[in-house]
Amino acid sequence: MNTSILGIDLAKNYFQVCGLNQANKVQFNRKMTRNKLAEFMQQQNPVLVAMEACCSSNYWARKFEEMGHTVRLVPAQHVKPFVKGNKDDRNDAVAICEAALRPNIHFAMIKTHVQQDTQMLHRIRQLHVRQTTAIVNQIRAYLAEYGIVVQKQVDPLLRTLPSIIDDEENDLTPLARQLISEHYQSLLDSRNKAIELKKQIELSNNQNLYCQRLQALPGIGPIIASALYAAVGNGSQFSKGRQMSAWVGLTPAHFGSGGKNTNVDTTKRGDRYLRTLLIHGARTVVSWAIKSNKKDPLSCWIQRLAARRGKRKAYVALANKLTRAAWRVLQGERYDARKITT
């Protein structure tokens, strides 16, 4: 078959495969099982394969590339405008083909096994961090019902909770004491697991050249460097640092009408977890630059910006610049603090 592009609507067991010819007309559009899809793709001559960037898309993209095909992962928001008629698998497969052929579409990067492993480490660690916070809040609320007030932070609670459980003179009933003791053990388990995963991330960074390069930047430690590498790899899918910063959601949103353009808050697109980490890292640098009153170019730029626009906007502005600098570092450039301020 003289097929120019294959669009595949991914699923768990049944996949919709659409083929367009050289004139971009539908040649076929049929459903296949998982095993049939692998056999079908193995028999095809090298062809352009388009899929929506979704669950399992990285796995299939790697498999198809091993077979000699060229793969494009189309972000879901770019596929939706091309769906014609009612939404079903057949129309989705055609829409994926049409979206992949449009100019000026930024395709998603195909993640490697290392990137997916690293991302899994972060997701599981973040789950334990959230569980730790939830358990701490629950225990504090339960204790308050019995007239016992403790500080909000995790460490003070861990220090005082054993003595509260053992204190027989407080208002805790035997059942409440037992339940809080069990909850305390769950808190320790979640916290210890998060600490173990953090150590595992730091250990994997020591074997990753890109993460070591990123950690040379101010405000980027092992966790941020690892999360950034897991999300963007070497950054080759971006032509410049500003594209990567826009992808993270750290650039201003634009609204224009009647020839008048207005910049408002950041777009907040992309990976929320990564954006949060970058802003937290920038917050540390800004706070240190203001307190220490250092006179290096970066600190002077931060001090002027914070005095003019406030610290919160300085956090986001620095996170934006650090992301752009991170792209340059991933491309092999040496870190230069003077370039961040330009």
C-alpha atoms as a PDB file:
ATOM      1  CA  MET A   1       0.000   0.000   0.000  1.00  0.00           C
ATOM      2  CA  ASN A   2       1.194   3.491  -0.903  1.00  0.00           C
ATOM      3  CA  THR A   3       0.622   4.937   2.561  1.00  0.00           C
ATOM      4  CA  SER A   4       2.162   8.275   3.524  1.00  0.00           C
ATOM      5  CA  ILE A   5       1.116   8.374   7.178  1.00  0.00           C
ATOM      6  CA  LEU A   6      -0.464   6.068   9.755  1.00  0.00           C
ATOM      7  CA  GLY A   7      -2.529   7.526  12.586  1.00  0.00           C
ATOM      8  CA  ILE A   8      -3.048   5.250  15.574  1.00  0.00           C
ATOM      9  CA  ASP A   9      -5.580   5.886  18.326  1.00  0.00           C
ATOM     10  CA  LEU A  10      -4.059   4.019  21.268  1.00  0.00           C
ATOM     11  CA  ALA A  11      -6.002   1.994  23.823  1.00  0.00           C
ATOM     12  CA  LYS A  12      -5.480  -1.010  26.095  1.00  0.00           C
ATOM     13  CA  ASN A  13      -6.508  -3.904  23.844  1.00  0.00           C
ATOM     14  CA  TYR A  14      -8.097  -2.505  20.666  1.00  0.00           C
ATOM     15  CA  PHE A  15      -6.407   0.129  18.500  1.00  0.00           C
ATOM     16  CA  GLN A  16      -7.829   2.178  15.639  1.00  0.00           C
ATOM     17  CA  VAL A  17      -5.409   2.491  12.709  1.00  0.00           C
ATOM     18  CA  CYS A  18      -5.975   5.004   9.910  1.00  0.00           C
ATOM     19  CA  GLY A  19      -3.824   5.247   6.778  1.00  0.00           C
ATOM     20  CA  LEU A  20      -3.628   8.235   4.437  1.00  0.00           C
ATOM     21  CA  ASN A  21      -2.250   8.077   0.898  1.00  0.00           C
ATOM     22  CA  GLN A  22       0.016  10.596  -0.843  1.00  0.00           C
ATOM     23  CA  ALA A  23      -3.000  12.847  -1.516  1.00  0.00           C
ATOM     24  CA  ASN A  24      -3.872  12.739   2.206  1.00  0.00           C
ATOM     25  CA  LYS A  25      -7.049  10.757   1.506  1.00  0.00           C
ATOM     26  CA  VAL A  26      -8.160   7.956   3.815  1.00  0.00           C
ATOM     27  CA  GLN A  27      -6.994   4.585   2.454  1.00  0.00           C
ATOM     28  CA  PHE A  28      -8.239   2.479   5.336  1.00  0.00           C
ATOM     29  CA  ASN A  29      -9.462   2.967   8.905  1.00  0.00           C
ATOM     30  CA  ARG A  30      -9.858  -0.221  10.881  1.00  0.00           C
ATOM     31  CA  LYS A  31      -9.650  -1.660  14.367  1.00  0.00           C
ATOM     32  CA  MET A  32      -6.834  -3.996  15.436  1.00  0.00           C
ATOM     33  CA  THR A  33      -5.967  -5.969  18.536  1.00  0.00           C
ATOM     34  CA  ARG A  34      -2.682  -5.460  20.344  1.00  0.00           C
ATOM     35  CA  ASN A  35      -1.026  -8.509  18.738  1.00  0.00           C
ATOM     36  CA  LYS A  36      -2.369  -7.685  15.266  1.00  0.00           C
ATOM     37  CA  LEU A  37      -1.057  -4.124  15.521  1.00  0.00           C
ATOM     38  CA  ALA A  38       2.493  -5.301  16.240  1.00  0.00           C
ATOM     39  CA  GLU A  39       2.361  -7.758  13.305  1.00  0.00           C
ATOM     40  CA  PHE A  40       0.869  -5.137  10.975  1.00  0.00           C
ATOM     41  CA  MET A  41       3.528  -2.532  11.788  1.00  0.00           C
ATOM     42  CA  GLN A  42       6.317  -5.095  11.387  1.00  0.00           C
ATOM     43  CA  GLN A  43       5.154  -5.792   7.831  1.00  0.00           C
ATOM     44  CA  GLN A  44       4.963  -2.112   6.787  1.00  0.00           C
ATOM     45  CA  ASN A  45       7.678  -0.270   4.919  1.00  0.00           C
ATOM     46  CA  PRO A  46       9.178   2.640   6.897  1.00  0.00           C
ATOM     47  CA  VAL A  47       6.419   5.202   7.215  1.00  0.00           C
ATOM     48  CA  LEU A  48       5.454   8.234   9.297  1.00  0.00           C
ATOM     49  CA  VAL A  49       3.463   7.117  12.344  1.00  0.00           C
ATOM     50  CA  ALA A  50       1.394   9.614  14.350  1.00  0.00           C
ATOM     51  CA  MET A  51      -0.052   8.970  17.798  1.00  0.00           C
ATOM     52  CA  GLU A  52      -1.586  11.106  20.491  1.00  0.00           C
ATOM     53  CA  ALA A  53       0.780  11.723  23.411  1.00  0.00           C
ATOM     54  CA  CYS A  54      -0.952   9.699  26.104  1.00  0.00           C
ATOM     55  CA  CYS A  55      -0.565   6.646  28.308  1.00  0.00           C
ATOM     56  CA  SER A  56       1.604   3.953  26.645  1.00  0.00           C
ATOM     57  CA  SER A  57       2.514   6.250  23.706  1.00  0.00           C
ATOM     58  CA  ASN A  58       6.208   6.257  24.673  1.00  0.00           C
ATOM     59  CA  TYR A  59       6.288   2.458  24.719  1.00  0.00           C
ATOM     60  CA  TRP A  60       4.735   2.121  21.261  1.00  0.00           C
ATOM     61  CA  ALA A  61       6.844   4.958  19.866  1.00  0.00           C
ATOM     62  CA  ARG A  62      10.053   3.180  20.899  1.00  0.00           C
ATOM     63  CA  LYS A  63       8.791  -0.093  19.416  1.00  0.00           C
ATOM     64  CA  PHE A  64       7.864   1.499  16.090  1.00  0.00           C
ATOM     65  CA  GLU A  65      11.183   3.330  15.854  1.00  0.00           C
ATOM     66  CA  GLU A  66      12.987   0.018  16.361  1.00  0.00           C
ATOM     67  CA  MET A  67      11.040  -1.239  13.313  1.00  0.00           C
ATOM     68  CA  GLY A  68      12.411   1.677  11.250  1.00  0.00           C
ATOM     69  CA  HIS A  69       9.359   3.955  11.314  1.00  0.00           C
ATOM     70  CA  THR A  70       9.362   7.700  12.042  1.00  0.00           C
ATOM     71  CA  VAL A  71       7.127   8.552  14.987  1.00  0.00           C
ATOM     72  CA  ARG A  72       5.407  11.798  15.927  1.00  0.00           C
ATOM     73  CA  LEU A  73       3.607  12.173  19.255  1.00  0.00           C
ATOM     74  CA  VAL A  74       0.935  14.847  18.931  1.00  0.00           C
ATOM     75  CA  PRO A  75      -0.189  16.626  22.142  1.00  0.00           C
ATOM     76  CA  ALA A  76      -3.876  16.014  22.837  1.00  0.00           C
ATOM     77  CA  GLN A  77      -4.806  19.707  22.652  1.00  0.00           C
ATOM     78  CA  HIS A  78      -3.616  19.816  19.031  1.00  0.00           C
ATOM     79  CA  VAL A  79      -5.659  16.771  18.012  1.00  0.00           C
ATOM     80  CA  LYS A  80      -9.037  17.929  19.339  1.00  0.00           C
ATOM     81  CA  PRO A  81      -9.627  20.752  16.763  1.00  0.00           C
ATOM     82  CA  PHE A  82      -9.356  18.233  13.897  1.00  0.00           C
ATOM     83  CA  VAL A  83     -12.018  15.807  15.162  1.00  0.00           C
ATOM     84  CA  LYS A  84     -14.932  15.953  12.721  1.00  0.00           C
ATOM     85  CA  GLY A  85     -18.409  14.729  13.549  1.00  0.00           C
ATOM     86  CA  ASN A  86     -19.082  12.688  16.648  1.00  0.00           C
ATOM     87  CA  LYS A  87     -16.140  11.674  18.791  1.00  0.00           C
ATOM     88  CA  ASP A  88     -15.258   8.027  18.222  1.00  0.00           C
ATOM     89  CA  ASP A  89     -12.128   5.991  17.555  1.00  0.00           C
ATOM     90  CA  ARG A  90     -12.407   6.257  13.756  1.00  0.00           C
ATOM     91  CA  ASN A  91     -12.696  10.044  13.770  1.00  0.00           C
ATOM     92  CA  ASP A  92      -9.942  10.325  16.388  1.00  0.00           C
ATOM     93  CA  ALA A  93      -7.515   8.317  14.211  1.00  0.00           C
ATOM     94  CA  VAL A  94      -8.188  10.577  11.211  1.00  0.00           C
ATOM     95  CA  ALA A  95      -7.760  13.674  13.392  1.00  0.00           C
ATOM     96  CA  ILE A  96      -4.387  12.407  14.621  1.00  0.00           C
ATOM     97  CA  CYS A  97      -3.189  12.063  11.012  1.00  0.00           C
ATOM     98  CA  GLU A  98      -4.340  15.548  10.078  1.00  0.00           C
ATOM     99  CA  ALA A  99      -2.843  17.145  13.198  1.00  0.00           C
ATOM    100  CA  ALA A 100       0.518  15.462  12.590  1.00  0.00           C
ATOM    101  CA  LEU A 101       0.697  16.944   9.078  1.00  0.00           C
ATOM    102  CA  ARG A 102       0.023  20.536  10.162  1.00  0.00           C
ATOM    103  CA  PRO A 103       2.943  23.017  10.147  1.00  0.00           C
ATOM    104  CA  ASN A 104       4.133  24.713  13.346  1.00  0.00           C
ATOM    105  CA  ILE A 105       3.021  21.843  15.595  1.00  0.00           C
ATOM    106  CA  HIS A 106       5.389  21.140  18.481  1.00  0.00           C
ATOM    107  CA  PHE A 107       5.441  17.384  18.961  1.00  0.00           C
ATOM    108  CA  ALA A 108       5.995  15.662  22.282  1.00  0.00           C
ATOM    109  CA  MET A 109       9.361  14.064  22.956  1.00  0.00           C
ATOM    110  CA  ILE A 110       9.636  10.282  23.079  1.00  0.00           C
ATOM    111  CA  LYS A 111      10.914   9.420  26.546  1.00  0.00           C
ATOM    112  CA  THR A 112      13.659   6.883  27.072  1.00  0.00           C
ATOM    113  CA  HIS A 113      13.512   4.090  29.656  1.00  0.00           C
ATOM    114  CA  VAL A 114      15.815   6.122  31.917  1.00  0.00           C
ATOM    115  CA  GLN A 115      13.519   9.143  31.767  1.00  0.00           C
ATOM    116  CA  GLN A 116      10.445   7.060  32.529  1.00  0.00           C
ATOM    117  CA  ASP A 117      12.190   5.344  35.441  1.00  0.00           C
ATOM    118  CA  THR A 118      13.249   8.727  36.829  1.00  0.00           C
ATOM    119  CA  GLN A 119       9.759  10.148  36.410  1.00  0.00           C
ATOM    120  CA  MET A 120       8.314   7.156  38.239  1.00  0.00           C
ATOM    121  CA  LEU A 121      10.687   7.773  41.140  1.00  0.00           C
ATOM    122  CA  HIS A 122       9.431  11.359  41.389  1.00  0.00           C
ATOM    123  CA  ARG A 123       5.753  10.423  41.139  1.00  0.00           C
ATOM    124  CA  ILE A 124       6.004   7.759  43.850  1.00  0.00           C
ATOM    125  CA  ARG A 125       8.045  10.052  46.099  1.00  0.00           C
ATOM    126  CA  GLN A 126       5.517  12.836  45.650  1.00  0.00           C
ATOM    127  CA  LEU A 127       2.733  10.416  46.583  1.00  0.00           C
ATOM    128  CA  HIS A 128       4.482   9.616  49.881  1.00  0.00           C
ATOM    129  CA  VAL A 129       5.107  13.323  50.523  1.00  0.00           C
ATOM    130  CA  ARG A 130       1.392  14.045  50.068  1.00  0.00           C
ATOM    131  CA  GLN A 131       0.470  11.110  52.284  1.00  0.00           C
ATOM    132  CA  THR A 132       2.845  12.387  54.972  1.00  0.00           C
ATOM    133  CA  THR A 133       1.229  15.828  54.879  1.00  0.00           C
ATOM    134  CA  ALA A 134      -2.274  14.347  54.985  1.00  0.00           C
ATOM    135  CA  ILE A 135      -1.492  12.103  57.963  1.00  0.00           C
ATOM    136  CA  VAL A 136       0.138  14.968  59.865  1.00  0.00           C
ATOM    137  CA  ASN A 137      -2.932  17.148  59.334  1.00  0.00           C
ATOM    138  CA  GLN A 138      -5.250  14.364  60.423  1.00  0.00           C
ATOM    139  CA  ILE A 139      -3.305  13.645  63.606  1.00  0.00           C
ATOM    140  CA  ARG A 140      -3.189  17.345  64.516  1.00  0.00           C
ATOM    141  CA  ALA A 141      -6.954  17.619  63.999  1.00  0.00           C
ATOM    142  CA  TYR A 142      -7.644  14.517  66.099  1.00  0.00           C
ATOM    143  CA  LEU A 143      -5.429  15.761  68.932  1.00  0.00           C
ATOM    144  CA  ALA A 144      -7.108  19.181  68.875  1.00  0.00           C
ATOM    145  CA  GLU A 145     -10.445  17.462  69.567  1.00  0.00           C
ATOM    146  CA  TYR A 146      -8.936  16.206  72.822  1.00  0.00           C
ATOM    147  CA  GLY A 147      -7.455  19.573  73.778  1.00  0.00           C
ATOM    148  CA  ILE A 148      -3.905  18.850  72.604  1.00  0.00           C
ATOM    149  CA  VAL A 149      -2.319  21.387  70.235  1.00  0.00           C
ATOM    150  CA  VAL A 150       0.945  20.738  68.370  1.00  0.00           C
ATOM    151  CA  GLN A 151       2.897  22.714  65.774  1.00  0.00           C
ATOM    152  CA  LYS A 152       2.152  22.418  62.062  1.00  0.00           C
ATOM    153  CA  GLN A 153       5.552  21.127  60.954  1.00  0.00           C
ATOM    154  CA  VAL A 154       6.256  17.423  60.607  1.00  0.00           C
ATOM    155  CA  ASP A 155       9.399  17.302  62.770  1.00  0.00           C
ATOM    156  CA  PRO A 156       7.848  18.857  65.918  1.00  0.00           C
ATOM    157  CA  LEU A 157       4.945  16.406  65.649  1.00  0.00           C
ATOM    158  CA  LEU A 158       7.289  13.443  65.305  1.00  0.00           C
ATOM    159  CA  ARG A 159       9.222  14.578  68.374  1.00  0.00           C
ATOM    160  CA  THR A 160       6.216  15.204  70.646  1.00  0.00           C
ATOM    161  CA  LEU A 161       3.760  12.529  69.510  1.00  0.00           C
ATOM    162  CA  PRO A 162       5.359   9.545  71.356  1.00  0.00           C
ATOM    163  CA  SER A 163       5.223  11.428  74.668  1.00  0.00           C
ATOM    164  CA  ILE A 164       1.607  12.467  73.979  1.00  0.00           C
ATOM    165  CA  ILE A 165       0.625   8.855  73.333  1.00  0.00           C
ATOM    166  CA  ASP A 166       2.384   7.678  76.532  1.00  0.00           C
ATOM    167  CA  ASP A 167       0.980  10.505  78.695  1.00  0.00           C
ATOM    168  CA  GLU A 168      -1.877   8.959  80.662  1.00  0.00           C
ATOM    169  CA  GLU A 169      -2.899  12.274  82.205  1.00  0.00           C
ATOM    170  CA  ASN A 170      -4.181  13.867  78.974  1.00  0.00           C
ATOM    171  CA  ASP A 171      -7.736  13.520  77.649  1.00  0.00           C
ATOM    172  CA  LEU A 172      -7.006  10.748  75.160  1.00  0.00           C
ATOM    173  CA  THR A 173      -9.181   7.653  75.567  1.00  0.00           C
ATOM    174  CA  PRO A 174      -7.654   4.155  75.213  1.00  0.00           C
ATOM    175  CA  LEU A 175      -9.217   3.748  71.757  1.00  0.00           C
ATOM    176  CA  ALA A 176      -8.034   7.200  70.584  1.00  0.00           C
ATOM    177  CA  ARG A 177      -4.554   6.429  71.910  1.00  0.00           C
ATOM    178  CA  GLN A 178      -4.484   3.155  69.947  1.00  0.00           C
ATOM    179  CA  LEU A 179      -5.720   4.722  66.688  1.00  0.00           C
ATOM    180  CA  ILE A 180      -3.292   7.646  66.875  1.00  0.00           C
ATOM    181  CA  SER A 181      -0.445   5.244  67.618  1.00  0.00           C
ATOM    182  CA  GLU A 182      -1.286   3.257  64.473  1.00  0.00           C
ATOM    183  CA  HIS A 183      -1.530   6.493  62.478  1.00  0.00           C
ATOM    184  CA  TYR A 184       1.859   7.536  63.846  1.00  0.00           C
ATOM    185  CA  GLN A 185       3.388   4.329  62.483  1.00  0.00           C
ATOM    186  CA  SER A 186       1.847   5.021  59.059  1.00  0.00           C
ATOM    187  CA  LEU A 187       3.363   8.508  59.219  1.00  0.00           C
ATOM    188  CA  LEU A 188       6.821   7.083  59.903  1.00  0.00           C
ATOM    189  CA  ASP A 189       6.489   4.594  57.038  1.00  0.00           C
ATOM    190  CA  SER A 190       5.473   7.258  54.492  1.00  0.00           C
ATOM    191  CA  ARG A 191       8.184   9.667  55.614  1.00  0.00           C
ATOM    192  CA  ASN A 192      10.919   7.022  55.566  1.00  0.00           C
ATOM    193  CA  LYS A 193       9.850   5.858  52.116  1.00  0.00           C
ATOM    194  CA  ALA A 194      10.010   9.435  50.787  1.00  0.00           C
ATOM    195  CA  ILE A 195      13.518   9.805  52.247  1.00  0.00           C
ATOM    196  CA  GLU A 196      14.648   6.528  50.660  1.00  0.00           C
ATOM    197  CA  LEU A 197      13.338   7.578  47.250  1.00  0.00           C
ATOM    198  CA  LYS A 198      15.093  10.937  47.550  1.00  0.00           C
ATOM    199  CA  LYS A 199      18.382   9.133  48.202  1.00  0.00           C
ATOM    200  CA  GLN A 200      17.727   6.922  45.182  1.00  0.00           C
ATOM    201  CA  ILE A 201      17.181  10.009  43.006  1.00  0.00           C
ATOM    202  CA  GLU A 202      20.432  11.540  44.237  1.00  0.00           C
ATOM    203  CA  LEU A 203      22.275   8.291  43.534  1.00  0.00           C
ATOM    204  CA  SER A 204      20.925   8.100  39.970  1.00  0.00           C
ATOM    205  CA  ASN A 205      21.997  11.718  39.398  1.00  0.00           C
ATOM    206  CA  ASN A 206      25.607  10.758  40.056  1.00  0.00           C
ATOM    207  CA  GLN A 207      25.445   8.504  36.982  1.00  0.00           C
ATOM    208  CA  ASN A 208      23.717  11.055  34.737  1.00  0.00           C
ATOM    209  CA  LEU A 209      25.838  13.690  32.979  1.00  0.00           C
ATOM    210  CA  TYR A 210      22.857  15.949  32.226  1.00  0.00           C
ATOM    211  CA  CYS A 211      21.750  16.048  35.867  1.00  0.00           C
ATOM    212  CA  GLN A 212      25.292  16.874  36.963  1.00  0.00           C
ATOM    213  CA  ARG A 213      25.377  19.786  34.493  1.00  0.00           C
ATOM    214  CA  LEU A 214      22.032  21.117  35.740  1.00  0.00           C
ATOM    215  CA  GLN A 215      23.120  21.044  39.376  1.00  0.00           C
ATOM    216  CA  ALA A 216      25.745  23.679  38.564  1.00  0.00           C
ATOM    217  CA  LEU A 217      22.917  26.229  38.242  1.00  0.00           C
ATOM    218  CA  PRO A 218      21.875  28.214  41.339  1.00  0.00           C
ATOM    219  CA  GLY A 219      18.617  27.007  42.868  1.00  0.00           C
ATOM    220  CA  ILE A 220      18.739  23.649  41.066  1.00  0.00           C
ATOM    221  CA  GLY A 221      19.544  20.759  43.353  1.00  0.00           C
ATOM    222  CA  PRO A 222      19.311  16.995  42.858  1.00  0.00           C
ATOM    223  CA  ILE A 223      15.503  16.816  42.926  1.00  0.00           C
ATOM    224  CA  ILE A 224      14.937  19.651  40.418  1.00  0.00           C
ATOM    225  CA  ALA A 225      17.737  18.467  38.122  1.00  0.00           C
ATOM    226  CA  SER A 226      16.345  14.950  38.077  1.00  0.00           C
ATOM    227  CA  ALA A 227      12.760  16.111  37.471  1.00  0.00           C
ATOM    228  CA  LEU A 228      13.890  18.427  34.669  1.00  0.00           C
ATOM    229  CA  TYR A 229      15.834  15.669  32.935  1.00  0.00           C
ATOM    230  CA  ALA A 230      12.899  13.254  33.278  1.00  0.00           C
ATOM    231  CA  ALA A 231      10.597  15.807  31.641  1.00  0.00           C
ATOM    232  CA  VAL A 232      12.726  17.177  28.774  1.00  0.00           C
ATOM    233  CA  GLY A 233      15.753  14.899  28.401  1.00  0.00           C
ATOM    234  CA  ASN A 234      18.518  16.835  26.632  1.00  0.00           C
ATOM    235  CA  GLY A 235      16.075  19.546  25.508  1.00  0.00           C
ATOM    236  CA  SER A 236      16.678  18.897  21.798  1.00  0.00           C
ATOM    237  CA  GLN A 237      12.939  19.208  21.051  1.00  0.00           C
ATOM    238  CA  PHE A 238      13.217  22.951  21.783  1.00  0.00           C
ATOM    239  CA  SER A 239      15.012  25.356  19.448  1.00  0.00           C
ATOM    240  CA  LYS A 240      15.741  27.863  22.237  1.00  0.00           C
ATOM    241  CA  GLY A 241      15.486  28.243  25.988  1.00  0.00           C
ATOM    242  CA  ARG A 242      12.398  30.407  25.849  1.00  0.00           C
ATOM    243  CA  GLN A 243      10.460  27.571  24.200  1.00  0.00           C
ATOM    244  CA  MET A 244      11.309  25.300  27.109  1.00  0.00           C
ATOM    245  CA  SER A 245      10.317  27.975  29.615  1.00  0.00           C
ATOM    246  CA  ALA A 246       7.011  28.479  27.784  1.00  0.00           C
ATOM    247  CA  TRP A 247       6.443  24.709  27.794  1.00  0.00           C
ATOM    248  CA  VAL A 248       6.880  24.654  31.590  1.00  0.00           C
ATOM    249  CA  GLY A 249       4.381  27.532  31.884  1.00  0.00           C
ATOM    250  CA  LEU A 250       6.681  30.254  33.233  1.00  0.00           C
ATOM    251  CA  THR A 251       6.144  32.862  30.497  1.00  0.00           C
ATOM    252  CA  PRO A 252       3.404  35.542  30.562  1.00  0.00           C
ATOM    253  CA  ALA A 253       0.068  34.870  28.894  1.00  0.00           C
ATOM    254  CA  HIS A 254      -0.819  37.287  26.071  1.00  0.00           C
ATOM    255  CA  PHE A 255      -4.231  38.729  25.286  1.00  0.00           C
ATOM    256  CA  GLY A 256      -4.661  40.910  22.224  1.00  0.00           C
ATOM    257  CA  SER A 257      -7.582  42.598  20.523  1.00  0.00           C
ATOM    258  CA  GLY A 258      -7.870  45.610  18.235  1.00  0.00           C
ATOM    259  CA  GLY A 259      -4.107  45.949  17.970  1.00  0.00           C
ATOM    260  CA  LYS A 260      -3.650  46.159  21.755  1.00  0.00           C
ATOM    261  CA  ASN A 261      -1.682  43.387  23.448  1.00  0.00           C
ATOM    262  CA  THR A 262      -1.656  42.795  27.187  1.00  0.00           C
ATOM    263  CA  ASN A 263       0.629  40.580  29.251  1.00  0.00           C
ATOM    264  CA  VAL A 264      -0.917  38.995  32.333  1.00  0.00           C
ATOM    265  CA  ASP A 265       0.138  36.242  34.751  1.00  0.00           C
ATOM    266  CA  THR A 266       2.077  33.188  33.645  1.00  0.00           C
ATOM    267  CA  THR A 267       0.312  30.658  31.448  1.00  0.00           C
ATOM    268  CA  LYS A 268       0.760  27.825  33.992  1.00  0.00           C
ATOM    269  CA  ARG A 269       0.806  25.303  31.166  1.00  0.00           C
ATOM    270  CA  GLY A 270       2.833  22.132  31.116  1.00  0.00           C
ATOM    271  CA  ASP A 271       4.110  20.094  34.045  1.00  0.00           C
ATOM    272  CA  ARG A 272       2.762  21.583  37.272  1.00  0.00           C
ATOM    273  CA  TYR A 273       5.109  19.520  39.452  1.00  0.00           C
ATOM    274  CA  LEU A 274       8.200  20.707  37.554  1.00  0.00           C
ATOM    275  CA  ARG A 275       7.027  24.322  37.552  1.00  0.00           C
ATOM    276  CA  THR A 276       6.484  24.204  41.327  1.00  0.00           C
ATOM    277  CA  LEU A 277       9.972  22.831  41.910  1.00  0.00           C
ATOM    278  CA  LEU A 278      11.599  25.495  39.743  1.00  0.00           C
ATOM    279  CA  ILE A 279       9.781  28.304  41.557  1.00  0.00           C
ATOM    280  CA  HIS A 280      10.733  26.854  44.949  1.00  0.00           C
ATOM    281  CA  GLY A 281      14.365  26.692  43.840  1.00  0.00           C
ATOM    282  CA  ALA A 282      14.215  30.282  42.625  1.00  0.00           C
ATOM    283  CA  ARG A 283      12.662  31.353  45.946  1.00  0.00           C
ATOM    284  CA  THR A 284      15.708  30.044  47.793  1.00  0.00           C
ATOM    285  CA  VAL A 285      18.089  31.993  45.532  1.00  0.00           C
ATOM    286  CA  VAL A 286      16.062  35.201  45.815  1.00  0.00           C
ATOM    287  CA  SER A 287      15.838  34.989  49.608  1.00  0.00           C
ATOM    288  CA  TRP A 288      19.560  34.365  49.922  1.00  0.00           C
ATOM    289  CA  ALA A 289      20.460  37.196  47.515  1.00  0.00           C
ATOM    290  CA  ILE A 290      18.332  39.701  49.454  1.00  0.00           C
ATOM    291  CA  LYS A 291      19.514  38.644  52.917  1.00  0.00           C
ATOM    292  CA  SER A 292      23.195  38.363  52.088  1.00  0.00           C
ATOM    293  CA  ASN A 293      23.268  41.586  50.025  1.00  0.00           C
ATOM    294  CA  LYS A 294      25.789  40.023  47.631  1.00  0.00           C
ATOM    295  CA  LYS A 295      27.165  42.090  44.745  1.00  0.00           C
ATOM    296  CA  ASP A 296      27.574  39.525  41.986  1.00  0.00           C
ATOM    297  CA  PRO A 297      25.615  40.218  38.734  1.00  0.00           C
ATOM    298  CA  LEU A 298      22.826  37.731  39.477  1.00  0.00           C
ATOM    299  CA  SER A 299      22.274  38.935  43.054  1.00  0.00           C
ATOM    300  CA  CYS A 300      22.252  42.582  41.961  1.00  0.00           C
ATOM    301  CA  TRP A 301      19.652  41.797  39.287  1.00  0.00           C
ATOM    302  CA  ILE A 302      17.494  39.974  41.851  1.00  0.00           C
ATOM    303  CA  GLN A 303      17.765  42.820  44.372  1.00  0.00           C
ATOM    304  CA  ARG A 304      16.740  45.435  41.786  1.00  0.00           C
ATOM    305  CA  LEU A 305      13.832  43.329  40.547  1.00  0.00           C
ATOM    306  CA  ALA A 306      12.564  42.518  44.046  1.00  0.00           C
ATOM    307  CA  ALA A 307      12.719  46.192  45.047  1.00  0.00           C
ATOM    308  CA  ARG A 308      10.849  47.248  41.903  1.00  0.00           C
ATOM    309  CA  ARG A 309       8.232  44.454  41.520  1.00  0.00           C
ATOM    310  CA  GLY A 310       8.251  42.524  44.798  1.00  0.00           C
ATOM    311  CA  LYS A 311       9.707  39.191  45.842  1.00  0.00           C
ATOM    312  CA  ARG A 312       6.923  36.990  44.468  1.00  0.00           C
ATOM    313  CA  LYS A 313       7.351  38.224  40.921  1.00  0.00           C
ATOM    314  CA  ALA A 314      11.096  37.917  41.364  1.00  0.00           C
ATOM    315  CA  TYR A 315      10.624  34.205  42.182  1.00  0.00           C
ATOM    316  CA  VAL A 316       8.823  33.522  38.904  1.00  0.00           C
ATOM    317  CA  ALA A 317      11.111  35.765  36.844  1.00  0.00           C
ATOM    318  CA  LEU A 318      14.195  33.982  38.153  1.00  0.00           C
ATOM    319  CA  ALA A 319      12.574  30.552  37.613  1.00  0.00           C
ATOM    320  CA  ASN A 320      11.975  31.592  34.005  1.00  0.00           C
ATOM    321  CA  LYS A 321      15.594  32.631  33.533  1.00  0.00           C
ATOM    322  CA  LEU A 322      16.914  29.505  35.248  1.00  0.00           C
ATOM    323  CA  THR A 323      14.840  27.327  32.919  1.00  0.00           C
ATOM    324  CA  ARG A 324      16.259  29.109  29.901  1.00  0.00           C
ATOM    325  CA  ALA A 325      19.768  28.737  31.328  1.00  0.00           C
ATOM    326  CA  ALA A 326      19.058  25.046  31.977  1.00  0.00           C
ATOM    327  CA  TRP A 327      18.305  24.557  28.285  1.00  0.00           C
ATOM    328  CA  ARG A 328      21.670  26.069  27.353  1.00  0.00           C
ATOM    329  CA  VAL A 329      23.423  23.846  29.893  1.00  0.00           C
ATOM    330  CA  LEU A 330      21.670  20.764  28.495  1.00  0.00           C
ATOM    331  CA  GLN A 331      22.977  21.738  25.051  1.00  0.00           C
ATOM    332  CA  GLY A 332      26.532  21.587  26.402  1.00  0.00           C
ATOM    333  CA  GLU A 333      27.239  25.232  27.277  1.00  0.00           C
ATOM    334  CA  ARG A 334      29.021  26.110  30.494  1.00  0.00           C
ATOM    335  CA  TYR A 335      27.051  27.912  33.165  1.00  0.00           C
ATOM    336  CA  ASP A 336      27.654  31.657  33.135  1.00  0.00           C
ATOM    337  CA  ALA A 337      25.825  33.793  35.718  1.00  0.00           C
ATOM    338  CA  ARG A 338      26.129  36.856  33.475  1.00  0.00           C
ATOM    339  CA  LYS A 339      23.978  35.216  30.785  1.00  0.00           C
ATOM    340  CA  ILE A 340      21.102  34.648  33.225  1.00  0.00           C
ATOM    341  CA  THR A 341      20.740  38.380  33.850  1.00  0.00           C
ATOM    342  CA  THR A 342      20.575  39.274  30.153  1.00  0.00           C
END
